[in-house]
Amino acid sequence: MTAEQMADGAEGPGQDPPARPLDSVDHAILRLLQTDGRASIRSVADRVHVSRANAYARINRLIEDGVIRGFGARVNHERAGQGASAYITLKIVQNSWRTVREQLQALPGATHIALVSGDFDVLLLVHTPDNRTLRELVLTRIQAIPEVLSTRTLLVFEETDLDPGPDRPTELV
């Protein structure tokens, strides 16, 4: 993939404010919210040893700066009726990232899309009810996208979400 192709996915100038440096309190807040996105401001403030007003202001700044992109639930896909999971690698036509990304975002069960370097261009994670639905998704939806040159499907046998916790490092040292 060329530098132009990678830049094709870059957002326009002025989309996000410039990133401000994060201090240890910001990192502690992020760890807490990753572990429990429903934590109250009071709980966050108490656990990172700042005032509620300070915690509130910091969380709002992290949201405004685009560090926190949103809040959501971590889903056990198998228990939610999505028993088949796969990573699908795609090779795509040069300079087609934006078009392909839009079409992949519309796919049922697509949960993560990444433009990557290496032997393929795109890595897509999907969750479907069963292998038959997965097969149909790949053969009739993904391979029908004109800019998709080839695909490879890697079935997921088991997966583990890594929860940020007090014993997990969050920064490279």
C-alpha atoms as a PDB file:
ATOM      1  CA  MET A   1       0.000   0.000   0.000  1.00  0.00           C
ATOM      2  CA  THR A   2       1.346   3.392  -0.941  1.00  0.00           C
ATOM      3  CA  ALA A   3       1.665   6.444   1.267  1.00  0.00           C
ATOM      4  CA  GLU A   4      -0.974   8.142  -0.924  1.00  0.00           C
ATOM      5  CA  GLN A   5      -3.387   5.292  -0.322  1.00  0.00           C
ATOM      6  CA  MET A   6      -2.855   5.459   3.433  1.00  0.00           C
ATOM      7  CA  ALA A   7      -3.252   9.231   3.379  1.00  0.00           C
ATOM      8  CA  ASP A   8      -6.514   8.764   1.465  1.00  0.00           C
ATOM      9  CA  GLY A   9      -8.060   7.593   4.748  1.00  0.00           C
ATOM     10  CA  ALA A  10      -6.827  10.604   6.693  1.00  0.00           C
ATOM     11  CA  GLU A  11      -9.475  13.043   7.820  1.00  0.00           C
ATOM     12  CA  GLY A  12      -9.403  16.612   6.639  1.00  0.00           C
ATOM     13  CA  PRO A  13      -7.624  19.373   8.519  1.00  0.00           C
ATOM     14  CA  GLY A  14      -9.472  20.768  11.488  1.00  0.00           C
ATOM     15  CA  GLN A  15     -11.417  17.562  12.186  1.00  0.00           C
ATOM     16  CA  ASP A  16      -9.899  16.910  15.601  1.00  0.00           C
ATOM     17  CA  PRO A  17      -8.264  19.391  17.936  1.00  0.00           C
ATOM     18  CA  PRO A  18      -4.534  18.916  18.439  1.00  0.00           C
ATOM     19  CA  ALA A  19      -3.778  16.283  21.049  1.00  0.00           C
ATOM     20  CA  ARG A  20      -2.800  17.611  24.442  1.00  0.00           C
ATOM     21  CA  PRO A  21      -0.347  15.634  26.569  1.00  0.00           C
ATOM     22  CA  LEU A  22      -1.921  13.287  29.129  1.00  0.00           C
ATOM     23  CA  ASP A  23      -0.671  13.133  32.686  1.00  0.00           C
ATOM     24  CA  SER A  24      -0.870  10.275  35.185  1.00  0.00           C
ATOM     25  CA  VAL A  25      -4.328  11.361  36.384  1.00  0.00           C
ATOM     26  CA  ASP A  26      -5.654  11.340  32.803  1.00  0.00           C
ATOM     27  CA  HIS A  27      -4.231   7.831  32.295  1.00  0.00           C
ATOM     28  CA  ALA A  28      -5.790   6.676  35.567  1.00  0.00           C
ATOM     29  CA  ILE A  29      -9.171   8.066  34.477  1.00  0.00           C
ATOM     30  CA  LEU A  30      -8.883   6.281  31.125  1.00  0.00           C
ATOM     31  CA  ARG A  31      -8.081   2.962  32.840  1.00  0.00           C
ATOM     32  CA  LEU A  32     -11.055   3.349  35.158  1.00  0.00           C
ATOM     33  CA  LEU A  33     -13.472   4.200  32.362  1.00  0.00           C
ATOM     34  CA  GLN A  34     -12.182   1.354  30.184  1.00  0.00           C
ATOM     35  CA  THR A  35     -12.849  -1.035  33.036  1.00  0.00           C
ATOM     36  CA  ASP A  36     -16.211   0.518  33.978  1.00  0.00           C
ATOM     37  CA  GLY A  37     -17.652   2.989  31.492  1.00  0.00           C
ATOM     38  CA  ARG A  38     -20.637   3.450  33.809  1.00  0.00           C
ATOM     39  CA  ALA A  39     -18.551   4.749  36.728  1.00  0.00           C
ATOM     40  CA  SER A  40     -19.943   7.938  38.222  1.00  0.00           C
ATOM     41  CA  ILE A  41     -17.962  11.170  38.265  1.00  0.00           C
ATOM     42  CA  ARG A  42     -17.852  10.930  42.064  1.00  0.00           C
ATOM     43  CA  SER A  43     -16.417   7.400  41.904  1.00  0.00           C
ATOM     44  CA  VAL A  44     -13.804   8.406  39.316  1.00  0.00           C
ATOM     45  CA  ALA A  45     -12.826  11.475  41.348  1.00  0.00           C
ATOM     46  CA  ASP A  46     -12.490   9.462  44.559  1.00  0.00           C
ATOM     47  CA  ARG A  47     -10.410   6.742  42.907  1.00  0.00           C
ATOM     48  CA  VAL A  48      -7.946   9.113  41.222  1.00  0.00           C
ATOM     49  CA  HIS A  49      -7.866  11.516  44.192  1.00  0.00           C
ATOM     50  CA  VAL A  50      -9.143  14.693  42.532  1.00  0.00           C
ATOM     51  CA  SER A  51     -12.240  16.824  43.063  1.00  0.00           C
ATOM     52  CA  ARG A  52     -15.467  16.009  41.232  1.00  0.00           C
ATOM     53  CA  ALA A  53     -15.163  19.249  39.268  1.00  0.00           C
ATOM     54  CA  ASN A  54     -11.615  18.336  38.222  1.00  0.00           C
ATOM     55  CA  ALA A  55     -12.679  14.795  37.190  1.00  0.00           C
ATOM     56  CA  TYR A  56     -15.643  16.186  35.243  1.00  0.00           C
ATOM     57  CA  ALA A  57     -13.447  18.740  33.437  1.00  0.00           C
ATOM     58  CA  ARG A  58     -10.796  16.146  32.616  1.00  0.00           C
ATOM     59  CA  ILE A  59     -13.316  13.643  31.226  1.00  0.00           C
ATOM     60  CA  ASN A  60     -14.921  16.369  29.098  1.00  0.00           C
ATOM     61  CA  ARG A  61     -11.475  17.414  27.818  1.00  0.00           C
ATOM     62  CA  LEU A  62     -10.640  13.787  26.948  1.00  0.00           C
ATOM     63  CA  ILE A  63     -13.910  13.566  25.008  1.00  0.00           C
ATOM     64  CA  GLU A  64     -13.407  16.931  23.259  1.00  0.00           C
ATOM     65  CA  ASP A  65      -9.835  16.002  22.309  1.00  0.00           C
ATOM     66  CA  GLY A  66     -11.033  12.734  20.790  1.00  0.00           C
ATOM     67  CA  VAL A  67      -9.106  10.590  23.275  1.00  0.00           C
ATOM     68  CA  ILE A  68     -12.383   9.074  24.493  1.00  0.00           C
ATOM     69  CA  ARG A  69     -14.361   8.168  21.384  1.00  0.00           C
ATOM     70  CA  GLY A  70     -17.461   6.964  23.186  1.00  0.00           C
ATOM     71  CA  PHE A  71     -18.854   4.623  25.788  1.00  0.00           C
ATOM     72  CA  GLY A  72     -20.268   1.175  25.180  1.00  0.00           C
ATOM     73  CA  ALA A  73     -20.770  -2.344  26.403  1.00  0.00           C
ATOM     74  CA  ARG A  74     -18.336  -5.212  25.878  1.00  0.00           C
ATOM     75  CA  VAL A  75     -20.456  -7.971  24.393  1.00  0.00           C
ATOM     76  CA  ASN A  76     -20.006 -11.728  24.646  1.00  0.00           C
ATOM     77  CA  HIS A  77     -20.836 -12.335  20.980  1.00  0.00           C
ATOM     78  CA  GLU A  78     -21.453 -16.048  21.381  1.00  0.00           C
ATOM     79  CA  ARG A  79     -24.024 -15.507  24.155  1.00  0.00           C
ATOM     80  CA  ALA A  80     -25.592 -12.746  22.043  1.00  0.00           C
ATOM     81  CA  GLY A  81     -26.273 -15.189  19.195  1.00  0.00           C
ATOM     82  CA  GLN A  82     -23.179 -14.348  17.149  1.00  0.00           C
ATOM     83  CA  GLY A  83     -21.402 -17.710  17.465  1.00  0.00           C
ATOM     84  CA  ALA A  84     -19.121 -17.396  14.426  1.00  0.00           C
ATOM     85  CA  SER A  85     -16.308 -14.846  14.404  1.00  0.00           C
ATOM     86  CA  ALA A  86     -13.629 -14.275  11.801  1.00  0.00           C
ATOM     87  CA  TYR A  87     -10.888 -11.922  10.792  1.00  0.00           C
ATOM     88  CA  ILE A  88     -11.052 -11.273   7.070  1.00  0.00           C
ATOM     89  CA  THR A  89      -8.062  -9.875   5.238  1.00  0.00           C
ATOM     90  CA  LEU A  90      -8.654  -7.938   2.042  1.00  0.00           C
ATOM     91  CA  LYS A  91      -6.460  -6.744  -0.780  1.00  0.00           C
ATOM     92  CA  ILE A  92      -8.015  -3.683  -2.357  1.00  0.00           C
ATOM     93  CA  VAL A  93      -7.515  -1.456  -5.393  1.00  0.00           C
ATOM     94  CA  GLN A  94      -5.060   1.362  -4.711  1.00  0.00           C
ATOM     95  CA  ASN A  95      -6.657   4.619  -3.546  1.00  0.00           C
ATOM     96  CA  SER A  96     -10.007   2.945  -2.810  1.00  0.00           C
ATOM     97  CA  TRP A  97      -9.771   2.872   1.001  1.00  0.00           C
ATOM     98  CA  ARG A  98     -12.546   5.409   1.657  1.00  0.00           C
ATOM     99  CA  THR A  99     -14.976   3.702  -0.704  1.00  0.00           C
ATOM    100  CA  VAL A 100     -14.215   0.238   0.654  1.00  0.00           C
ATOM    101  CA  ARG A 101     -14.371   1.435   4.262  1.00  0.00           C
ATOM    102  CA  GLU A 102     -17.869   2.879   3.731  1.00  0.00           C
ATOM    103  CA  GLN A 103     -19.118  -0.391   2.252  1.00  0.00           C
ATOM    104  CA  LEU A 104     -17.531  -2.526   4.985  1.00  0.00           C
ATOM    105  CA  GLN A 105     -19.045  -0.321   7.711  1.00  0.00           C
ATOM    106  CA  ALA A 106     -22.499  -1.163   6.328  1.00  0.00           C
ATOM    107  CA  LEU A 107     -21.972  -4.924   6.674  1.00  0.00           C
ATOM    108  CA  PRO A 108     -23.982  -6.714   9.349  1.00  0.00           C
ATOM    109  CA  GLY A 109     -21.697  -8.024  12.073  1.00  0.00           C
ATOM    110  CA  ALA A 110     -18.653  -5.895  11.170  1.00  0.00           C
ATOM    111  CA  THR A 111     -17.094  -4.713  14.431  1.00  0.00           C
ATOM    112  CA  HIS A 112     -13.587  -3.537  13.541  1.00  0.00           C
ATOM    113  CA  ILE A 113     -11.989  -2.316  10.315  1.00  0.00           C
ATOM    114  CA  ALA A 114      -8.312  -1.395   9.994  1.00  0.00           C
ATOM    115  CA  LEU A 115      -6.161  -0.170   7.125  1.00  0.00           C
ATOM    116  CA  VAL A 116      -2.865  -2.005   7.591  1.00  0.00           C
ATOM    117  CA  SER A 117       0.500  -2.541   5.937  1.00  0.00           C
ATOM    118  CA  GLY A 118       1.929  -5.850   4.820  1.00  0.00           C
ATOM    119  CA  ASP A 119       0.659  -8.660   2.611  1.00  0.00           C
ATOM    120  CA  PHE A 120      -2.913  -7.337   2.652  1.00  0.00           C
ATOM    121  CA  ASP A 121      -4.494  -3.907   2.951  1.00  0.00           C
ATOM    122  CA  VAL A 122      -7.514  -4.230   5.244  1.00  0.00           C
ATOM    123  CA  LEU A 123      -8.240  -6.292   8.348  1.00  0.00           C
ATOM    124  CA  LEU A 124     -11.927  -6.762   9.141  1.00  0.00           C
ATOM    125  CA  LEU A 125     -13.417  -8.428  12.228  1.00  0.00           C
ATOM    126  CA  VAL A 126     -16.942  -9.817  11.861  1.00  0.00           C
ATOM    127  CA  HIS A 127     -19.347 -11.683  14.136  1.00  0.00           C
ATOM    128  CA  THR A 128     -22.199 -13.703  12.577  1.00  0.00           C
ATOM    129  CA  PRO A 129     -24.782 -16.152  13.913  1.00  0.00           C
ATOM    130  CA  ASP A 130     -23.153 -19.154  12.192  1.00  0.00           C
ATOM    131  CA  ASN A 131     -20.666 -20.263   9.525  1.00  0.00           C
ATOM    132  CA  ARG A 132     -23.329 -20.315   6.794  1.00  0.00           C
ATOM    133  CA  THR A 133     -24.058 -16.624   7.398  1.00  0.00           C
ATOM    134  CA  LEU A 134     -20.309 -15.921   7.498  1.00  0.00           C
ATOM    135  CA  ARG A 135     -19.841 -17.689   4.163  1.00  0.00           C
ATOM    136  CA  GLU A 136     -22.650 -15.650   2.592  1.00  0.00           C
ATOM    137  CA  LEU A 137     -21.202 -12.436   3.987  1.00  0.00           C
ATOM    138  CA  VAL A 138     -17.796 -13.154   2.451  1.00  0.00           C
ATOM    139  CA  LEU A 139     -18.899 -14.645  -0.859  1.00  0.00           C
ATOM    140  CA  THR A 140     -21.893 -12.461  -1.701  1.00  0.00           C
ATOM    141  CA  ARG A 141     -21.264  -9.164   0.059  1.00  0.00           C
ATOM    142  CA  ILE A 142     -17.522  -8.596   0.524  1.00  0.00           C
ATOM    143  CA  GLN A 143     -16.270 -10.234  -2.673  1.00  0.00           C
ATOM    144  CA  ALA A 144     -18.965  -8.348  -4.617  1.00  0.00           C
ATOM    145  CA  ILE A 145     -17.336  -5.012  -3.738  1.00  0.00           C
ATOM    146  CA  PRO A 146     -15.626  -4.035  -7.017  1.00  0.00           C
ATOM    147  CA  GLU A 147     -12.522  -2.586  -5.289  1.00  0.00           C
ATOM    148  CA  VAL A 148     -11.868  -5.818  -3.348  1.00  0.00           C
ATOM    149  CA  LEU A 149      -9.241  -7.834  -5.214  1.00  0.00           C
ATOM    150  CA  SER A 150      -9.044 -10.817  -2.847  1.00  0.00           C
ATOM    151  CA  THR A 151     -10.006 -12.005   0.626  1.00  0.00           C
ATOM    152  CA  ARG A 152      -8.775 -14.537   3.154  1.00  0.00           C
ATOM    153  CA  THR A 153     -10.925 -15.638   6.078  1.00  0.00           C
ATOM    154  CA  LEU A 154      -9.426 -16.617   9.433  1.00  0.00           C
ATOM    155  CA  LEU A 155     -11.938 -18.278  11.772  1.00  0.00           C
ATOM    156  CA  VAL A 156     -11.714 -17.319  15.422  1.00  0.00           C
ATOM    157  CA  PHE A 157     -11.896 -20.388  17.672  1.00  0.00           C
ATOM    158  CA  GLU A 158     -11.644 -18.505  20.946  1.00  0.00           C
ATOM    159  CA  GLU A 159     -11.096 -14.897  21.931  1.00  0.00           C
ATOM    160  CA  THR A 160     -10.236 -13.009  25.081  1.00  0.00           C
ATOM    161  CA  ASP A 161     -10.709  -9.290  25.615  1.00  0.00           C
ATOM    162  CA  LEU A 162      -7.828  -7.815  27.572  1.00  0.00           C
ATOM    163  CA  ASP A 163      -9.269  -5.650  30.300  1.00  0.00           C
ATOM    164  CA  PRO A 164      -7.179  -2.745  31.497  1.00  0.00           C
ATOM    165  CA  GLY A 165      -6.514  -3.332  35.138  1.00  0.00           C
ATOM    166  CA  PRO A 166      -4.127  -2.185  37.817  1.00  0.00           C
ATOM    167  CA  ASP A 167      -1.648  -4.930  36.880  1.00  0.00           C
ATOM    168  CA  ARG A 168      -1.765  -4.318  33.095  1.00  0.00           C
ATOM    169  CA  PRO A 169       0.715  -1.805  31.708  1.00  0.00           C
ATOM    170  CA  THR A 170      -0.882   0.953  29.634  1.00  0.00           C
ATOM    171  CA  GLU A 171       2.274   2.661  28.402  1.00  0.00           C
ATOM    172  CA  LEU A 172       5.474   1.441  26.854  1.00  0.00           C
ATOM    173  CA  VAL A 173       8.359   1.891  29.204  1.00  0.00           C
END
